Amino acid sequence: MRHLDLICLKSEADATLERLRSMGFVHLALDTASGDGVAAAKGEAADAEKAVMLILKARGDEEVDARPCSVEGVLALDEDRRTLKAEKDRLEREIRTYEAFGDFDPALAGKLRDKGLELHLYADGSFDILGEGAEKGEARQTVRWPEMRLGRMREKLARVENRIRIDDAKIAGCDDAAITGKFPAIRDRVAFEQAKGLMSESGAVAVISGWIPVTKEKALLAEVTQSEAEGLFERANAPGWGVLLRDPAEGETPPTLIEPPKMFRPVTALFEGLGIAPAYTESDVSVPFMCYFSLFFAMLVGDGGYGAIFLAATLAARKKMPRAWFTLLTVFSSATIVWGLLSNTWFGAGLPFAAEWPTVKWLGDPTYNNMMFLCFTIGASHLVLARVWSGICMLNDRACLAQFGWAGIVFFMYLVTNAIVGIFSGVPQWAYWMFGVSLVLVFGFTLKGSELKSRGIELGMLPLNIMSALGDIISYVRLFAVGLASVKVAENFNDMAVGLDLPIWLKAVPMVLILLVGHGLNLAMAGLSILVHAVRLNTLEFSNHKGVSWAGYAFKAFKRAGS
């Protein structure tokens, strides 16, 4: 990444920002921008989003013939509706207060007063007519005299309620898609105002700073040399841009540009959704993240029927979701269906013709040893990959030997874990020799001699770190435990539905309700388990061994929405 300082004429600031946006490879810290222009643009965006929400809420599930409406028109209708609702609440309170007294004419008070009588209304619904000079009875809370008779209050309430219904209908009849279609342009306006807010001015010039990938340096310099020739500046003697490019300085935190192979590029949408990015100096783990996350997704959901539901929902929403998310969900759903085929789990039941398949029999081992062995193997492969990868990245440093040593320790702990739970009869003799060599590598090459004084405590923590590696391997058993729990919950709801002791003609409706509620709850729990466990295994266990802290922020080019 290269740091960019760009100088231009203040009079050409807008044209310069347009040029940067069309280039589409400059990262600007837009979120830090402020100012009146930024506030106004964000306010416009918030108004547009609010208008769409109001339309959808007013419409509900009703089908209407939508008509074009402006954002301002929708908000004005909503403001009128809120005023009317406040008036409606006031009238309802008034009616509740006076309905106990009946539909009397408020002018009656004046007539009684002319005859020397006073009419007093009380909160409990009673009243007194007292002559002049008469003493009141016990102290009671009085009610002020009404402005109009009860019948007129009710008529006014009916008119207000009718106007509210008219406003509701007008809002529901607005075309939300027409407003939604303006969102990209609105987001572009917000981004442009933010970029403008980042520009500092000094005399006749303006300066803006950002970051560009090293691979785009030549493209930027080409833009600088061509800018005057292509008419960016109106004056023939315009000096063009002043550009300063440099490497990141000490203490600076450049954005992280993640560019995985095209096949795995959709995983960047998952990173964005989770709000994570590796630090600038850390490795791009997109490929193993997507591969293992797909496997974890399938095993945690644990049911091919649920995978089919996810896939159907994804295909149905294809036109409404970003392409990256469509690809991701298609991959995850398909992986779950494949797992359903391998384990013969479909909505908590199995297909009779698949019961004798080798994979079904192996995964269905009643001792659960095979499933635990699979989970430990997946965990060991995940963590060993992290250590070996780190070692390869450090081949020009002898510290790579420590990483290879840790790979050996992780593999030894994998053997120990299988022995502890009874999958293996014991740890092979050769594994102890491997463990000893691995310890020597870790102890001897983790730190340089000059680092022993400042970081020597790390070697003292080695026993705890080794035990932590054992815990990391064991933690992958959650793939089996959560997946099994999902299957068992589905099986229990199936048994509840089928086992209802009712005649068949009374049994159908409650059986369907039990199945819908049970499997719906199980689907929701499956989604939660993915967020908790699949993310954790990648961002904690694997990342700790790979040295990825996820302390960075993603590179986001300043460009038009959708480009």
Protein backbone atom coordinates (compact mmCIF):
# COMPACT_ATOMS: atom_id res chain seq x y z
CA MET A 1 0.00 0.00 0.00
CA ARG A 2 1.25 3.51 -0.84
CA HIS A 3 0.25 6.71 0.94
CA LEU A 4 -1.03 9.43 -1.36
CA ASP A 5 -1.00 13.21 -0.89
CA LEU A 6 -2.64 14.99 -3.81
CA ILE A 7 -2.62 18.75 -4.37
CA CYS A 8 -4.94 20.52 -6.80
CA LEU A 9 -6.35 23.99 -7.38
CA LYS A 10 -9.11 24.82 -4.91
CA SER A 11 -11.29 25.88 -7.83
CA GLU A 12 -10.87 22.40 -9.32
CA ALA A 13 -11.57 20.44 -6.12
CA ASP A 14 -14.89 19.02 -7.32
CA ALA A 15 -13.46 18.03 -10.71
CA THR A 16 -10.50 16.38 -8.99
CA LEU A 17 -12.76 14.33 -6.72
CA GLU A 18 -14.84 13.26 -9.72
CA ARG A 19 -11.65 12.11 -11.41
CA LEU A 20 -10.54 10.18 -8.33
CA ARG A 21 -13.94 8.53 -8.14
CA SER A 22 -13.83 7.50 -11.79
CA MET A 23 -10.36 6.02 -11.23
CA GLY A 24 -11.83 3.82 -8.48
CA PHE A 25 -8.66 2.74 -6.68
CA VAL A 26 -8.04 5.42 -4.03
CA HIS A 27 -8.98 4.71 -0.42
CA LEU A 28 -10.17 7.75 1.52
CA ALA A 29 -11.05 7.79 5.23
CA LEU A 30 -14.62 8.84 4.44
CA ASP A 31 -16.01 7.87 7.84
CA THR A 32 -13.90 10.55 9.52
CA ALA A 33 -15.32 13.39 7.41
CA SER A 34 -17.68 15.97 8.83
CA GLY A 35 -19.23 19.30 7.87
CA ASP A 36 -22.51 20.79 6.74
CA GLY A 37 -22.37 19.13 3.32
CA VAL A 38 -21.80 15.70 4.87
CA ALA A 39 -24.62 16.22 7.38
CA ALA A 40 -27.01 17.32 4.64
CA ALA A 41 -26.17 14.35 2.40
CA LYS A 42 -26.51 11.89 5.29
CA GLY A 43 -29.81 13.51 6.20
CA GLU A 44 -31.03 12.96 2.64
CA ALA A 45 -30.01 9.31 2.82
CA ALA A 46 -31.73 8.85 6.18
CA ASP A 47 -34.91 10.48 4.83
CA ALA A 48 -34.95 8.14 1.82
CA GLU A 49 -34.51 5.07 4.02
CA LYS A 50 -37.22 6.29 6.39
CA ALA A 51 -39.60 6.89 3.47
CA VAL A 52 -39.14 3.32 2.21
CA MET A 53 -39.69 1.89 5.70
CA LEU A 54 -42.87 3.94 6.09
CA ILE A 55 -44.20 2.70 2.75
CA LEU A 56 -43.47 -0.95 3.51
CA LYS A 57 -44.95 -0.70 7.00
CA ALA A 58 -48.12 1.00 5.75
CA ARG A 59 -48.55 -1.51 2.95
CA GLY A 60 -47.90 -4.68 4.91
CA ASP A 61 -48.69 -7.74 2.80
CA GLU A 62 -51.29 -5.91 0.75
CA GLU A 63 -50.85 -5.70 -3.03
CA VAL A 64 -51.32 -2.17 -4.37
CA ASP A 65 -50.95 -0.29 -7.63
CA ALA A 66 -47.94 1.80 -6.72
CA ARG A 67 -47.51 5.34 -7.98
CA PRO A 68 -44.40 7.54 -8.03
CA CYS A 69 -43.91 9.61 -4.89
CA SER A 70 -41.16 11.88 -3.71
CA VAL A 71 -39.33 11.30 -0.43
CA GLU A 72 -40.51 14.72 0.72
CA GLY A 73 -44.12 13.80 -0.11
CA VAL A 74 -43.97 10.59 1.91
CA LEU A 75 -42.42 12.35 4.90
CA ALA A 76 -45.01 15.15 4.70
CA LEU A 77 -47.80 12.59 4.76
CA ASP A 78 -46.21 10.90 7.75
CA GLU A 79 -45.88 14.23 9.57
CA ASP A 80 -49.55 14.98 8.89
CA ARG A 81 -50.45 11.48 10.07
CA ARG A 82 -48.53 11.91 13.32
CA THR A 83 -50.26 15.23 13.97
CA LEU A 84 -53.62 13.58 13.36
CA LYS A 85 -52.74 10.66 15.64
CA ALA A 86 -51.89 13.12 18.42
CA GLU A 87 -55.29 14.79 17.88
CA LYS A 88 -56.95 11.36 17.86
CA ASP A 89 -55.35 10.46 21.20
CA ARG A 90 -56.49 13.79 22.67
CA LEU A 91 -60.06 13.30 21.49
CA GLU A 92 -60.19 9.74 22.82
CA ARG A 93 -59.05 10.99 26.23
CA GLU A 94 -61.71 13.70 26.13
CA ILE A 95 -64.42 11.20 25.20
CA ARG A 96 -63.40 8.83 28.01
CA THR A 97 -63.54 11.74 30.44
CA TYR A 98 -67.02 13.02 29.48
CA GLU A 99 -68.91 9.97 28.22
CA ALA A 100 -70.12 9.21 31.77
CA PHE A 101 -72.02 12.53 31.76
CA GLY A 102 -73.86 11.84 28.49
CA ASP A 103 -74.30 14.00 25.41
CA PHE A 104 -75.18 17.28 27.15
CA ASP A 105 -74.83 20.79 25.75
CA PRO A 106 -71.89 22.70 27.32
CA ALA A 107 -73.99 25.86 26.98
CA LEU A 108 -76.09 24.47 29.84
CA ALA A 109 -73.53 25.77 32.34
CA GLY A 110 -74.13 29.34 31.25
CA LYS A 111 -77.90 28.95 31.55
CA LEU A 112 -77.60 27.51 35.05
CA ARG A 113 -75.18 30.23 36.08
CA ASP A 114 -77.70 32.90 34.98
CA LYS A 115 -80.15 31.32 37.43
CA GLY A 116 -77.64 31.33 40.27
CA LEU A 117 -76.67 27.66 40.03
CA GLU A 118 -73.23 26.09 39.52
CA LEU A 119 -72.71 22.72 37.77
CA HIS A 120 -69.63 20.80 38.98
CA LEU A 121 -68.30 17.71 37.10
CA TYR A 122 -66.18 15.13 38.95
CA ALA A 123 -63.61 12.59 37.70
CA ASP A 124 -65.65 9.68 39.05
CA GLY A 125 -68.51 10.52 36.63
CA SER A 126 -70.76 12.26 39.12
CA PHE A 127 -71.88 15.92 39.21
CA ASP A 128 -73.44 18.48 41.55
CA ILE A 129 -75.77 21.42 40.93
CA LEU A 130 -75.22 23.88 43.74
CA GLY A 131 -77.00 27.09 44.48
CA GLU A 132 -75.19 30.36 45.03
CA GLY A 133 -73.40 30.32 48.39
CA ALA A 134 -74.01 26.58 48.93
CA GLU A 135 -71.19 24.58 50.45
CA LYS A 136 -69.62 21.68 48.55
CA GLY A 137 -69.67 18.21 49.95
CA GLU A 138 -66.59 16.03 50.40
CA ALA A 139 -63.51 17.06 48.39
CA ARG A 140 -63.44 15.35 45.00
CA GLN A 141 -61.35 15.82 41.85
CA THR A 142 -63.20 18.07 39.48
CA VAL A 143 -63.17 17.94 35.68
CA ARG A 144 -62.91 21.07 33.54
CA TRP A 145 -65.93 22.03 31.45
CA PRO A 146 -65.93 20.45 27.92
CA GLU A 147 -65.41 22.62 24.85
CA MET A 148 -68.08 20.79 22.87
CA ARG A 149 -70.78 18.22 23.43
CA LEU A 150 -69.93 14.51 23.40
CA GLY A 151 -71.63 13.85 20.05
CA ARG A 152 -69.48 16.47 18.31
CA MET A 153 -66.34 14.98 19.89
CA ARG A 154 -67.22 11.61 18.41
CA GLU A 155 -67.95 13.14 15.02
CA LYS A 156 -64.60 14.94 15.07
CA LEU A 157 -62.83 11.72 16.10
CA ALA A 158 -64.42 9.88 13.18
CA ARG A 159 -63.23 12.59 10.77
CA VAL A 160 -59.69 12.44 12.20
CA GLU A 161 -59.61 8.63 11.95
CA ASN A 162 -60.77 8.84 8.35
CA ARG A 163 -58.00 11.31 7.48
CA ILE A 164 -55.45 8.97 9.10
CA ARG A 165 -56.76 6.11 6.94
CA ILE A 166 -56.45 8.33 3.86
CA ASP A 167 -52.83 9.20 4.74
CA ASP A 168 -52.09 5.50 5.38
CA ALA A 169 -53.51 4.61 1.97
CA LYS A 170 -51.55 7.37 0.25
CA ILE A 171 -48.28 6.23 1.85
CA ALA A 172 -48.99 2.55 1.10
CA GLY A 173 -49.69 3.44 -2.53
CA CYS A 174 -46.27 5.01 -3.08
CA ASP A 175 -43.71 3.16 -5.19
CA ASP A 176 -40.94 2.13 -2.78
CA ALA A 177 -38.89 0.66 -5.64
CA ALA A 178 -38.64 4.09 -7.27
CA ILE A 179 -37.11 5.51 -4.08
CA THR A 180 -34.92 2.47 -3.52
CA GLY A 181 -33.60 2.86 -7.05
CA LYS A 182 -32.20 6.25 -6.02
CA PHE A 183 -30.18 4.77 -3.14
CA PRO A 184 -26.96 4.31 -5.19
CA ALA A 185 -27.04 7.94 -6.32
CA ILE A 186 -27.73 9.08 -2.75
CA ARG A 187 -24.85 6.97 -1.41
CA ASP A 188 -22.62 8.47 -4.11
CA ARG A 189 -23.64 11.95 -2.99
CA VAL A 190 -22.84 11.12 0.64
CA ALA A 191 -19.44 9.70 -0.31
CA PHE A 192 -18.64 12.72 -2.49
CA GLU A 193 -19.51 15.15 0.30
CA GLN A 194 -17.42 13.08 2.72
CA ALA A 195 -14.47 13.20 0.32
CA LYS A 196 -14.96 16.94 -0.05
CA GLY A 197 -14.99 17.25 3.73
CA LEU A 198 -11.58 15.54 3.88
CA MET A 199 -10.00 18.17 1.64
CA SER A 200 -7.96 20.80 3.42
CA GLU A 201 -7.47 24.18 1.80
CA SER A 202 -4.57 26.60 1.88
CA GLY A 203 -4.82 29.68 -0.25
CA ALA A 204 -5.56 28.74 -3.84
CA VAL A 205 -4.83 25.01 -3.42
CA ALA A 206 -6.57 22.04 -1.84
CA VAL A 207 -4.99 18.86 -0.50
CA ILE A 208 -6.44 15.39 0.05
CA SER A 209 -4.73 12.27 1.41
CA GLY A 210 -5.48 8.59 1.00
CA TRP A 211 -4.05 5.19 0.12
CA ILE A 212 -3.59 3.32 -3.16
CA PRO A 213 -2.44 -0.24 -3.86
CA VAL A 214 1.15 -0.51 -5.09
CA THR A 215 -0.17 -2.09 -8.29
CA LYS A 216 -2.10 1.12 -9.10
CA GLU A 217 0.82 3.52 -8.79
CA LYS A 218 1.52 3.61 -12.53
CA ALA A 219 -2.17 4.12 -13.28
CA LEU A 220 -2.26 7.11 -10.94
CA LEU A 221 0.84 8.68 -12.47
CA ALA A 222 -0.68 8.20 -15.92
CA GLU A 223 -3.75 10.10 -14.75
CA VAL A 224 -1.55 12.95 -13.48
CA THR A 225 0.30 13.35 -16.77
CA GLN A 226 -2.87 13.10 -18.86
CA SER A 227 -5.13 15.30 -16.75
CA GLU A 228 -4.37 18.60 -18.46
CA ALA A 229 -4.42 17.09 -21.96
CA GLU A 230 -7.84 15.53 -21.36
CA GLY A 231 -9.37 18.82 -20.25
CA LEU A 232 -9.66 18.24 -16.51
CA PHE A 233 -8.75 21.89 -15.94
CA GLU A 234 -10.41 24.75 -17.78
CA ARG A 235 -7.34 26.99 -17.99
CA ALA A 236 -4.75 26.15 -20.61
CA ASN A 237 -1.87 26.97 -18.24
CA ALA A 238 -3.22 24.86 -15.35
CA PRO A 239 -0.33 23.17 -13.51
CA GLY A 240 -2.16 19.84 -12.99
CA TRP A 241 -1.98 17.74 -9.83
CA GLY A 242 0.84 17.61 -7.37
CA VAL A 243 1.29 14.03 -6.15
CA LEU A 244 3.40 12.64 -3.32
CA LEU A 245 3.57 8.84 -2.95
CA ARG A 246 5.40 7.15 -0.09
CA ASP A 247 5.51 3.94 1.91
CA PRO A 248 3.55 3.77 5.19
CA ALA A 249 5.35 5.60 7.98
CA GLU A 250 5.95 4.08 11.40
CA GLY A 251 2.78 4.25 13.44
CA GLU A 252 0.47 4.53 10.43
CA THR A 253 -2.17 1.84 9.87
CA PRO A 254 -2.92 1.46 6.16
CA PRO A 255 -6.13 -0.27 5.06
CA THR A 256 -5.95 -3.97 4.24
CA LEU A 257 -6.62 -4.87 0.61
CA ILE A 258 -7.94 -8.43 0.36
CA GLU A 259 -7.69 -9.86 -3.15
CA PRO A 260 -8.33 -13.63 -3.02
CA PRO A 261 -8.57 -15.74 -6.20
CA LYS A 262 -11.74 -15.06 -8.16
CA MET A 263 -13.37 -18.30 -7.03
CA PHE A 264 -13.05 -17.29 -3.38
CA ARG A 265 -13.70 -13.55 -3.75
CA PRO A 266 -17.28 -13.73 -2.39
CA VAL A 267 -15.87 -14.44 1.09
CA THR A 268 -14.92 -10.76 1.33
CA ALA A 269 -18.66 -10.06 1.66
CA LEU A 270 -18.69 -12.33 4.72
CA PHE A 271 -15.73 -10.42 6.18
CA GLU A 272 -17.59 -7.17 5.59
CA GLY A 273 -20.76 -8.55 7.15
CA LEU A 274 -18.84 -9.68 10.24
CA GLY A 275 -16.96 -6.38 10.35
CA ILE A 276 -13.51 -8.02 10.37
CA ALA A 277 -10.32 -7.58 8.38
CA PRO A 278 -6.78 -8.81 8.98
CA ALA A 279 -4.21 -6.21 9.94
CA TYR A 280 -2.14 -4.69 7.14
CA THR A 281 0.91 -6.88 7.87
CA GLU A 282 -1.08 -10.11 8.31
CA SER A 283 -1.85 -12.84 5.80
CA ASP A 284 -4.95 -13.04 3.63
CA VAL A 285 -6.71 -16.17 4.90
CA SER A 286 -9.70 -15.88 2.56
CA VAL A 287 -9.23 -19.26 0.85
CA PRO A 288 -9.01 -21.51 3.96
CA PHE A 289 -11.64 -19.35 5.68
CA MET A 290 -14.21 -19.99 2.95
CA CYS A 291 -13.34 -23.70 2.58
CA TYR A 292 -13.51 -24.51 6.28
CA PHE A 293 -16.47 -22.21 6.92
CA SER A 294 -18.45 -24.13 4.28
CA LEU A 295 -17.59 -27.41 6.02
CA PHE A 296 -18.43 -25.99 9.45
CA PHE A 297 -21.73 -24.61 8.13
CA ALA A 298 -22.73 -28.04 6.81
CA MET A 299 -21.79 -29.94 9.97
CA LEU A 300 -23.33 -27.44 12.39
CA VAL A 301 -26.66 -27.36 10.53
CA GLY A 302 -26.33 -31.13 10.26
CA ASP A 303 -29.40 -31.74 8.09
CA GLY A 304 -29.69 -31.94 4.31
CA GLY A 305 -33.35 -30.94 4.46
CA TYR A 306 -32.46 -27.66 6.10
CA GLY A 307 -29.77 -27.16 3.46
CA ALA A 308 -32.44 -27.59 0.78
CA ILE A 309 -34.56 -24.91 2.48
CA PHE A 310 -31.57 -22.55 2.62
CA LEU A 311 -30.84 -23.20 -1.05
CA ALA A 312 -34.46 -22.67 -2.13
CA ALA A 313 -34.64 -19.40 -0.18
CA THR A 314 -31.36 -18.28 -1.73
CA LEU A 315 -32.54 -19.03 -5.26
CA ALA A 316 -35.86 -17.29 -4.59
CA ALA A 317 -34.08 -14.14 -3.38
CA ARG A 318 -31.46 -14.17 -6.12
CA LYS A 319 -32.54 -10.89 -7.70
CA LYS A 320 -32.73 -9.09 -4.36
CA MET A 321 -29.33 -9.95 -2.88
CA PRO A 322 -25.78 -9.00 -3.89
CA ARG A 323 -24.05 -11.47 -6.15
CA ALA A 324 -21.36 -12.25 -3.57
CA TRP A 325 -23.93 -13.23 -0.93
CA PHE A 326 -25.88 -15.28 -3.45
CA THR A 327 -22.70 -17.23 -4.27
CA LEU A 328 -21.79 -17.70 -0.61
CA LEU A 329 -25.21 -18.93 0.46
CA THR A 330 -25.42 -21.23 -2.54
CA VAL A 331 -22.08 -22.80 -1.61
CA PHE A 332 -22.99 -23.12 2.08
CA SER A 333 -26.44 -24.58 1.33
CA SER A 334 -25.04 -27.03 -1.22
CA ALA A 335 -22.40 -28.17 1.28
CA THR A 336 -25.18 -28.83 3.80
CA ILE A 337 -27.11 -30.90 1.26
CA VAL A 338 -23.96 -32.93 0.53
CA TRP A 339 -23.56 -33.51 4.27
CA GLY A 340 -27.17 -34.67 4.38
CA LEU A 341 -26.39 -37.20 1.64
CA LEU A 342 -23.29 -38.45 3.44
CA SER A 343 -25.02 -38.76 6.84
CA ASN A 344 -28.59 -39.49 5.61
CA THR A 345 -30.20 -36.79 7.72
CA TRP A 346 -33.30 -35.13 6.25
CA PHE A 347 -35.53 -33.17 8.63
CA GLY A 348 -34.48 -35.43 11.48
CA ALA A 349 -35.23 -38.61 9.54
CA GLY A 350 -33.34 -40.86 7.15
CA LEU A 351 -34.09 -42.16 3.70
CA PRO A 352 -34.57 -45.96 3.88
CA PHE A 353 -32.68 -46.68 0.66
CA ALA A 354 -29.59 -44.80 1.93
CA ALA A 355 -29.31 -46.54 5.30
CA GLU A 356 -26.64 -48.97 4.07
CA TRP A 357 -24.42 -46.46 2.33
CA PRO A 358 -20.82 -46.71 3.62
CA THR A 359 -20.62 -43.07 4.68
CA VAL A 360 -23.98 -43.28 6.46
CA LYS A 361 -22.94 -46.37 8.41
CA TRP A 362 -19.53 -44.88 9.26
CA LEU A 363 -20.89 -41.52 10.43
CA GLY A 364 -23.78 -43.22 12.21
CA ASP A 365 -21.49 -45.27 14.47
CA PRO A 366 -23.50 -45.60 17.73
CA THR A 367 -20.36 -45.00 19.85
CA TYR A 368 -19.88 -41.64 18.09
CA ASN A 369 -16.15 -42.38 17.88
CA ASN A 370 -16.06 -41.91 14.13
CA MET A 371 -17.72 -38.50 14.30
CA MET A 372 -15.35 -37.35 17.05
CA PHE A 373 -12.40 -38.67 15.06
CA LEU A 374 -13.59 -36.68 12.04
CA CYS A 375 -13.93 -33.49 14.11
CA PHE A 376 -10.47 -33.88 15.65
CA THR A 377 -9.00 -34.56 12.21
CA ILE A 378 -10.63 -31.44 10.77
CA GLY A 379 -9.31 -29.43 13.71
CA ALA A 380 -5.78 -30.80 13.37
CA SER A 381 -5.71 -30.11 9.63
CA HIS A 382 -6.97 -26.56 10.26
CA LEU A 383 -4.37 -25.74 12.90
CA VAL A 384 -1.45 -27.55 11.28
CA LEU A 385 -2.21 -25.67 8.06
CA ALA A 386 -1.98 -22.40 10.01
CA ARG A 387 1.41 -23.28 11.49
CA VAL A 388 2.94 -24.68 8.30
CA TRP A 389 1.68 -21.68 6.34
CA SER A 390 3.27 -19.32 8.87
CA GLY A 391 6.52 -21.27 8.63
CA ILE A 392 6.59 -21.05 4.84
CA CYS A 393 5.98 -17.29 5.03
CA MET A 394 9.03 -17.00 7.31
CA LEU A 395 11.47 -19.16 5.35
CA ASN A 396 14.04 -16.35 5.26
CA ASP A 397 14.03 -16.27 9.07
CA ARG A 398 15.11 -19.08 11.36
CA ALA A 399 11.92 -18.47 13.37
CA CYS A 400 10.21 -20.55 10.67
CA LEU A 401 11.61 -23.63 12.46
CA ALA A 402 9.58 -22.71 15.54
CA GLN A 403 6.41 -22.63 13.44
CA PHE A 404 7.19 -26.07 12.00
CA GLY A 405 7.84 -27.21 15.57
CA TRP A 406 4.40 -25.97 16.59
CA ALA A 407 2.88 -27.90 13.69
CA GLY A 408 4.46 -31.03 15.18
CA ILE A 409 3.15 -30.22 18.66
CA VAL A 410 -0.38 -29.69 17.31
CA PHE A 411 -0.25 -33.03 15.51
CA PHE A 412 1.01 -34.73 18.68
CA MET A 413 -1.89 -33.23 20.62
CA TYR A 414 -4.23 -34.56 17.96
CA LEU A 415 -2.93 -38.08 18.64
CA VAL A 416 -3.21 -37.52 22.40
CA THR A 417 -6.82 -36.29 22.06
CA ASN A 418 -7.83 -39.39 20.12
CA ALA A 419 -6.14 -41.57 22.73
CA ILE A 420 -7.87 -39.77 25.62
CA VAL A 421 -11.38 -40.39 24.27
CA GLY A 422 -10.58 -43.99 23.34
CA ILE A 423 -10.49 -43.67 19.55
CA PHE A 424 -6.83 -44.74 19.51
CA SER A 425 -5.52 -47.35 21.90
CA GLY A 426 -2.59 -45.09 22.72
CA VAL A 427 -0.05 -42.64 21.32
CA PRO A 428 2.51 -44.29 18.97
CA GLN A 429 6.11 -44.41 20.18
CA TRP A 430 7.42 -42.41 17.20
CA ALA A 431 5.06 -39.55 18.12
CA TYR A 432 7.01 -38.94 21.35
CA TRP A 433 10.23 -38.50 19.36
CA MET A 434 8.40 -36.10 17.04
CA PHE A 435 7.10 -34.20 20.05
CA GLY A 436 10.58 -33.93 21.54
CA VAL A 437 12.08 -32.58 18.31
CA SER A 438 9.18 -30.13 18.00
CA LEU A 439 9.79 -28.86 21.54
CA VAL A 440 13.44 -28.27 20.76
CA LEU A 441 12.53 -26.31 17.61
CA VAL A 442 9.98 -24.16 19.45
CA PHE A 443 12.22 -23.55 22.44
CA GLY A 444 15.31 -22.87 20.38
CA PHE A 445 13.99 -20.73 17.55
CA THR A 446 10.95 -18.80 18.83
CA LEU A 447 13.16 -15.95 20.03
CA LYS A 448 16.50 -14.54 18.97
CA GLY A 449 19.23 -14.09 21.56
CA SER A 450 18.65 -10.34 21.67
CA GLU A 451 14.96 -10.92 22.48
CA LEU A 452 15.43 -13.23 25.45
CA LYS A 453 15.59 -10.39 27.96
CA SER A 454 12.44 -8.60 26.76
CA ARG A 455 10.35 -11.59 25.65
CA GLY A 456 11.78 -14.51 27.59
CA ILE A 457 8.50 -14.90 29.48
CA GLU A 458 7.04 -16.39 26.28
CA LEU A 459 9.24 -19.46 26.71
CA GLY A 460 8.10 -19.74 30.32
CA MET A 461 4.52 -19.85 29.07
CA LEU A 462 5.31 -22.75 26.73
CA PRO A 463 3.71 -25.48 28.92
CA LEU A 464 0.47 -23.49 29.09
CA ASN A 465 0.55 -22.86 25.34
CA ILE A 466 0.97 -26.58 24.70
CA MET A 467 -2.03 -27.37 26.86
CA SER A 468 -3.91 -24.62 25.01
CA ALA A 469 -3.14 -26.42 21.74
CA LEU A 470 -4.73 -29.55 23.22
CA GLY A 471 -7.81 -27.51 24.11
CA ASP A 472 -7.94 -26.07 20.60
CA ILE A 473 -8.06 -29.56 19.07
CA ILE A 474 -10.76 -30.67 21.51
CA SER A 475 -12.84 -27.55 20.78
CA TYR A 476 -13.56 -28.82 17.26
CA VAL A 477 -15.78 -31.51 18.77
CA ARG A 478 -18.43 -28.76 18.87
CA LEU A 479 -19.04 -29.52 15.18
CA PHE A 480 -20.28 -32.97 16.20
CA ALA A 481 -22.07 -31.90 19.39
CA VAL A 482 -24.03 -29.00 17.87
CA GLY A 483 -24.86 -30.93 14.71
CA LEU A 484 -26.04 -33.93 16.74
CA ALA A 485 -28.16 -31.66 18.96
CA SER A 486 -29.83 -30.23 15.87
CA VAL A 487 -30.66 -33.70 14.57
CA LYS A 488 -31.96 -34.88 17.95
CA VAL A 489 -34.20 -31.83 18.33
CA ALA A 490 -35.64 -32.50 14.87
CA GLU A 491 -36.18 -36.18 15.73
CA ASN A 492 -37.99 -35.29 18.97
CA PHE A 493 -40.36 -32.89 17.25
CA ASN A 494 -41.04 -35.53 14.60
CA ASP A 495 -41.86 -38.06 17.33
CA MET A 496 -44.13 -35.55 19.10
CA ALA A 497 -46.02 -34.86 15.87
CA VAL A 498 -46.38 -38.48 14.79
CA GLY A 499 -47.10 -39.73 18.32
CA LEU A 500 -50.20 -37.59 18.93
CA ASP A 501 -52.90 -39.85 20.38
CA LEU A 502 -55.71 -38.47 18.23
CA PRO A 503 -57.89 -39.74 15.41
CA ILE A 504 -56.28 -39.11 12.02
CA TRP A 505 -58.89 -36.48 11.10
CA LEU A 506 -58.05 -34.48 14.24
CA LYS A 507 -54.33 -35.19 14.11
CA ALA A 508 -53.38 -33.46 10.83
CA VAL A 509 -53.57 -29.81 11.91
CA PRO A 510 -51.71 -30.08 15.26
CA MET A 511 -49.14 -32.40 13.66
CA VAL A 512 -48.36 -29.83 10.94
CA LEU A 513 -48.18 -27.04 13.53
CA ILE A 514 -45.75 -29.01 15.71
CA LEU A 515 -43.54 -29.77 12.71
CA LEU A 516 -43.54 -26.16 11.51
CA VAL A 517 -42.79 -24.70 14.95
CA GLY A 518 -40.22 -27.37 15.83
CA HIS A 519 -38.25 -27.28 12.61
CA GLY A 520 -38.57 -23.48 12.42
CA LEU A 521 -37.03 -23.18 15.88
CA ASN A 522 -34.31 -25.65 14.91
CA LEU A 523 -33.49 -23.64 11.79
CA ALA A 524 -33.17 -20.47 13.86
CA MET A 525 -30.87 -22.23 16.34
CA ALA A 526 -28.79 -23.57 13.43
CA GLY A 527 -28.28 -20.02 12.15
CA LEU A 528 -27.20 -18.89 15.62
CA SER A 529 -24.77 -21.80 15.97
CA ILE A 530 -23.13 -20.84 12.67
CA LEU A 531 -22.57 -17.28 13.86
CA VAL A 532 -21.13 -18.50 17.15
CA HIS A 533 -19.16 -21.63 16.34
CA ALA A 534 -18.22 -21.50 12.65
CA VAL A 535 -16.98 -17.93 13.03
CA ARG A 536 -15.13 -18.70 16.24
CA LEU A 537 -13.19 -21.68 14.85
CA ASN A 538 -11.93 -19.50 12.01
CA THR A 539 -11.34 -16.21 13.79
CA LEU A 540 -10.05 -17.58 17.09
CA GLU A 541 -8.56 -21.09 17.02
CA PHE A 542 -7.20 -20.97 13.46
CA SER A 543 -6.29 -17.29 13.58
CA ASN A 544 -4.40 -17.60 16.87
CA HIS A 545 -2.17 -20.27 15.32
CA LYS A 546 -1.79 -18.31 12.07
CA GLY A 547 -1.06 -15.03 13.85
CA VAL A 548 -4.09 -13.16 12.45
CA SER A 549 -5.47 -10.65 14.94
CA TRP A 550 -8.27 -9.23 12.74
CA ALA A 551 -7.22 -5.79 13.98
CA GLY A 552 -7.23 -4.14 10.55
CA TYR A 553 -9.80 -2.28 8.49
CA ALA A 554 -10.74 -3.08 4.91
CA PHE A 555 -9.57 -1.14 1.86
CA LYS A 556 -12.60 0.57 0.30
CA ALA A 557 -12.01 2.41 -2.94
CA PHE A 558 -13.67 5.77 -3.47
CA LYS A 559 -15.89 5.00 -6.45
CA ARG A 560 -19.46 5.07 -7.60
CA ALA A 561 -21.89 2.63 -5.97
CA GLY A 562 -22.16 -0.59 -7.93
CA SER A 563 -19.01 -0.01 -9.97
